[in-house]
Amino acid sequence: MSHPDFDAVIFDLDGTLVDTEVLCNATGLEACDALGHPVSEAFFETLAGIDDVRRVALISEHVGAPIDQASFFAEWDQLCSLRFASGIPLKPGVPEIFEIIASFGLPMAICTSSRRGPASEKIAAAGFGHWLQAVVTVDDVEQAKPAPAPYLLAAQRLGVVPSRCLAFEDSETGASSAMAAGMRVVQVPDMHPTDGRNAHFIATSLLGGAELAGLRWTTPN
């Protein structure tokens, strides 16, 4: 069964499919402490949706001292891996959303600001990699979100026109990236509210967003 409006669906990862924002913020704070540059939880939360390289630069600016990127990544990744080992929490509607989209015969991809290593680890821990035809990480592009490059590459890898793609995002950074790429955007805010300026549909859940966008389905009696 095809769909009249879309040829593919592309998802953000953190905060959209996996409920990792709180976990990654907590481990990020621990990593900052371990490197001798403590920051507040409130500050770290302002970095939502920002790629990790830019994140380290903003932390360095905030603390007024250079932070070695490789050391921060090594510490942060190790702390996250320890948490992921006991399971990774999924957002409500996963894996149902994959089953619904697959029923329309639409290919799916992930477009994330995570680096390739952490992204692969999260996808493996979440157990939904078999649904995906492509994964685009920040390591695959020269310009990270909010630039449109990541979403344009995801559409290219799926072999579809960007305007025929439906994108699911939680953050303003990600939603504006998908919007700039010319996609239809569903935003399901995670930790921060939205005024909707970067999305066509605002929803409180993935399944609700899918229905708003026209991915309607019937449940067997």
Foldseek 3Di string as FASTA:
>chain_A
DADPQAQAEEEAPDLAWFPCPVVLLVLLQVLCVVQPQHDDSVVSVVCPQPALVVSQVVSCVVSVHHDDSVSSCVSSVVSVVVVLVVATHTFPCPPVLLVLCVVNVHAYEYQYSYDPVVVVSNCVRHPPPVRHPYYHYNVNDPDHFVALVSVLVVCVSSVHQLLNYEYEEADPRPLNNSVNSNYAYEYQHGPDDDPQPRHPHYDPHPVVSCVVVPSDDDDDD
